[in-house]
C-alpha atoms as a PDB file:
ATOM      1  CA  UNK A   1      -6.143   0.468  12.342  1.00  0.00           C
ATOM      2  CA  UNK A   2      -5.807  -2.643  10.902  1.00  0.00           C
ATOM      3  CA  UNK A   3      -2.547  -4.620  10.855  1.00  0.00           C
ATOM      4  CA  UNK A   4      -1.529  -7.295   8.496  1.00  0.00           C
ATOM      5  CA  UNK A   5       1.440  -9.643   9.135  1.00  0.00           C
ATOM      6  CA  UNK A   6       2.939 -11.177   6.047  1.00  0.00           C
ATOM      7  CA  UNK A   7       6.409 -13.350   5.163  1.00  0.00           C
ATOM      8  CA  UNK A   8       6.306 -16.239   7.920  1.00  0.00           C
ATOM      9  CA  UNK A   9       7.187 -19.436   6.975  1.00  0.00           C
ATOM     10  CA  UNK A  10       9.497 -22.374   7.427  1.00  0.00           C
ATOM     11  CA  UNK A  11      13.184 -21.964   7.269  1.00  0.00           C
ATOM     12  CA  UNK A  12      16.541 -23.940   8.244  1.00  0.00           C
ATOM     13  CA  UNK A  13      18.272 -22.519  10.963  1.00  0.00           C
ATOM     14  CA  UNK A  14      20.989 -20.132   9.811  1.00  0.00           C
ATOM     15  CA  UNK A  15      18.436 -18.964   7.221  1.00  0.00           C
ATOM     16  CA  UNK A  16      16.845 -15.524   7.028  1.00  0.00           C
ATOM     17  CA  UNK A  17      13.121 -14.392   6.740  1.00  0.00           C
ATOM     18  CA  UNK A  18      11.666 -10.998   5.708  1.00  0.00           C
ATOM     19  CA  UNK A  19       7.996 -10.504   7.863  1.00  0.00           C
ATOM     20  CA  UNK A  20       6.318  -7.215   7.019  1.00  0.00           C
ATOM     21  CA  UNK A  21       3.299  -5.666   8.493  1.00  0.00           C
ATOM     22  CA  UNK A  22       0.605  -3.295   6.558  1.00  0.00           C
ATOM     23  CA  UNK A  23      -1.165  -1.062   8.318  1.00  0.00           C
ATOM     24  CA  UNK A  24      -4.431   0.837   7.481  1.00  0.00           C
ATOM     25  CA  UNK A  25      -3.932   4.276   9.179  1.00  0.00           C
ATOM     26  CA  UNK A  26      -4.556   7.445   7.739  1.00  0.00           C
ATOM     27  CA  UNK A  27      -1.196   8.760   9.994  1.00  0.00           C
ATOM     28  CA  UNK A  28       0.913   5.556   9.939  1.00  0.00           C
ATOM     29  CA  UNK A  29       4.012   7.905  10.599  1.00  0.00           C
ATOM     30  CA  UNK A  30       2.525   8.835  14.132  1.00  0.00           C
ATOM     31  CA  UNK A  31       2.502   5.277  15.246  1.00  0.00           C
ATOM     32  CA  UNK A  32       4.871   3.486  17.344  1.00  0.00           C
ATOM     33  CA  UNK A  33       5.432   0.232  15.582  1.00  0.00           C
ATOM     34  CA  UNK A  34       6.501  -3.371  17.153  1.00  0.00           C
ATOM     35  CA  UNK A  35       7.360  -6.777  16.577  1.00  0.00           C
ATOM     36  CA  UNK A  36       6.253  -9.538  19.642  1.00  0.00           C
ATOM     37  CA  UNK A  37       6.162 -13.207  19.105  1.00  0.00           C
ATOM     38  CA  UNK A  38       4.604 -15.669  20.968  1.00  0.00           C
ATOM     39  CA  UNK A  39       5.229 -19.472  21.881  1.00  0.00           C
ATOM     40  CA  UNK A  40       2.365 -21.848  23.666  1.00  0.00           C
ATOM     41  CA  UNK A  41       2.752 -21.505  27.269  1.00  0.00           C
ATOM     42  CA  UNK A  42       5.048 -18.946  27.296  1.00  0.00           C
ATOM     43  CA  UNK A  43       4.410 -15.025  27.862  1.00  0.00           C
ATOM     44  CA  UNK A  44       3.985 -12.950  24.507  1.00  0.00           C
ATOM     45  CA  UNK A  45       7.941 -11.308  23.913  1.00  0.00           C
ATOM     46  CA  UNK A  46       9.040  -8.045  22.549  1.00  0.00           C
ATOM     47  CA  UNK A  47      11.289  -8.631  19.431  1.00  0.00           C
ATOM     48  CA  UNK A  48      11.954  -5.230  18.447  1.00  0.00           C
ATOM     49  CA  UNK A  49      10.304  -1.871  18.200  1.00  0.00           C
ATOM     50  CA  UNK A  50      10.273   1.638  16.176  1.00  0.00           C
ATOM     51  CA  UNK A  51       9.466   4.895  17.487  1.00  0.00           C
ATOM     52  CA  UNK A  52       7.641   7.127  14.879  1.00  0.00           C
ATOM     53  CA  UNK A  53      10.803   9.083  14.885  1.00  0.00           C
ATOM     54  CA  UNK A  54      12.748   5.972  13.940  1.00  0.00           C
ATOM     55  CA  UNK A  55      14.191   4.974  17.205  1.00  0.00           C
ATOM     56  CA  UNK A  56      14.886   1.574  17.322  1.00  0.00           C
ATOM     57  CA  UNK A  57      15.021  -1.067  20.385  1.00  0.00           C
ATOM     58  CA  UNK A  58      15.761  -4.677  20.099  1.00  0.00           C
ATOM     59  CA  UNK A  59      15.403  -7.849  22.515  1.00  0.00           C
ATOM     60  CA  UNK A  60      18.997  -9.177  23.756  1.00  0.00           C
ATOM     61  CA  UNK A  61      18.201 -12.513  22.089  1.00  0.00           C
ATOM     62  CA  UNK A  62      17.550 -10.917  18.505  1.00  0.00           C
ATOM     63  CA  UNK A  63      20.387  -8.275  18.627  1.00  0.00           C
ATOM     64  CA  UNK A  64      22.833  -8.252  15.777  1.00  0.00           C
ATOM     65  CA  UNK A  65      20.572 -10.967  13.875  1.00  0.00           C
ATOM     66  CA  UNK A  66      16.910  -8.767  13.461  1.00  0.00           C
ATOM     67  CA  UNK A  67      16.519  -5.353  11.748  1.00  0.00           C
ATOM     68  CA  UNK A  68      13.348  -3.705  12.177  1.00  0.00           C
ATOM     69  CA  UNK A  69      12.710  -1.074   9.543  1.00  0.00           C
ATOM     70  CA  UNK A  70       9.764   1.139   8.579  1.00  0.00           C
ATOM     71  CA  UNK A  71       8.449   2.299   5.463  1.00  0.00           C
ATOM     72  CA  UNK A  72       5.915   5.737   5.920  1.00  0.00           C
ATOM     73  CA  UNK A  73       5.237   6.427   2.492  1.00  0.00           C
ATOM     74  CA  UNK A  74       3.421   2.353   1.999  1.00  0.00           C
ATOM     75  CA  UNK A  75       2.367   2.013   5.817  1.00  0.00           C
ATOM     76  CA  UNK A  76       4.688  -0.690   6.414  1.00  0.00           C
ATOM     77  CA  UNK A  77       6.828  -1.967   8.837  1.00  0.00           C
ATOM     78  CA  UNK A  78       9.726  -4.953   7.914  1.00  0.00           C
ATOM     79  CA  UNK A  79      11.458  -7.219  10.045  1.00  0.00           C
ATOM     80  CA  UNK A  80      14.246  -8.652   8.804  1.00  0.00           C
ATOM     81  CA  UNK A  81      15.485 -11.709  10.249  1.00  0.00           C
ATOM     82  CA  UNK A  82      18.778 -13.449   9.831  1.00  0.00           C
ATOM     83  CA  UNK A  83      21.276 -16.219  10.936  1.00  0.00           C
ATOM     84  CA  UNK A  84      17.718 -17.835  12.062  1.00  0.00           C
ATOM     85  CA  UNK A  85      17.922 -20.234  15.263  1.00  0.00           C
ATOM     86  CA  UNK A  86      15.269 -23.161  16.296  1.00  0.00           C
ATOM     87  CA  UNK A  87      14.547 -20.844  19.421  1.00  0.00           C
ATOM     88  CA  UNK A  88      13.312 -18.137  16.899  1.00  0.00           C
ATOM     89  CA  UNK A  89      10.247 -20.509  16.178  1.00  0.00           C
ATOM     90  CA  UNK A  90       6.935 -18.371  17.363  1.00  0.00           C
ATOM     91  CA  UNK A  91       3.701 -16.668  16.014  1.00  0.00           C
ATOM     92  CA  UNK A  92       5.108 -13.460  15.259  1.00  0.00           C
ATOM     93  CA  UNK A  93       2.675 -10.437  15.824  1.00  0.00           C
ATOM     94  CA  UNK A  94       2.442  -7.020  14.611  1.00  0.00           C
ATOM     95  CA  UNK A  95       1.864  -3.991  16.959  1.00  0.00           C
ATOM     96  CA  UNK A  96       0.610  -0.517  16.807  1.00  0.00           C
ATOM     97  CA  UNK A  97       0.500   2.373  19.299  1.00  0.00           C
ATOM     98  CA  UNK A  98      -0.482   5.606  19.425  1.00  0.00           C
ATOM     99  CA  UNK A  99      -0.402   7.269  22.947  1.00  0.00           C
ATOM    100  CA  UNK A 100      -2.256   4.863  25.323  1.00  0.00           C
ATOM    101  CA  UNK A 101      -4.188   2.718  22.294  1.00  0.00           C
ATOM    102  CA  UNK A 102      -2.993   0.115  21.007  1.00  0.00           C
ATOM    103  CA  UNK A 103      -3.633  -2.367  18.005  1.00  0.00           C
ATOM    104  CA  UNK A 104      -2.634  -5.833  17.150  1.00  0.00           C
ATOM    105  CA  UNK A 105      -2.181  -8.211  14.295  1.00  0.00           C
ATOM    106  CA  UNK A 106      -3.343 -11.674  13.779  1.00  0.00           C
ATOM    107  CA  UNK A 107       0.704 -12.672  13.595  1.00  0.00           C
ATOM    108  CA  UNK A 108       2.312 -15.018  11.424  1.00  0.00           C
ATOM    109  CA  UNK A 109       3.945 -18.315  12.052  1.00  0.00           C
ATOM    110  CA  UNK A 110       7.986 -18.638  11.725  1.00  0.00           C
ATOM    111  CA  UNK A 111       9.355 -21.963  12.020  1.00  0.00           C
ATOM    112  CA  UNK A 112      13.178 -22.866  12.058  1.00  0.00           C
ATOM    113  CA  UNK A 113      14.081 -26.474  11.839  1.00  0.00           C
ATOM    114  CA  UNK A 114      17.786 -27.432  13.321  1.00  0.00           C
END
């Protein structure tokens, strides 16, 4: 499975961005998908996840501001990010899992200015 993330950029605090991750998978609908973020010098952090069945989980720091969704018809997962804060600045990486097999995308940079 190849994962291509897009949608990052520079935004002012309080603004919004929508990230997308396109997956090359013949059976995208069976994959659990997630977004992580990475800041240099810090551990990679789970931001949001969505199971094959549509169950969603969020990090406490983004709950009520971020929303993950999946479009199985187009093999895509989205992350709608609202009310962005400077501490959301990171490289956001797309992640897929099927059983014990995992895949990572290359990431997209999100920078939030104060």
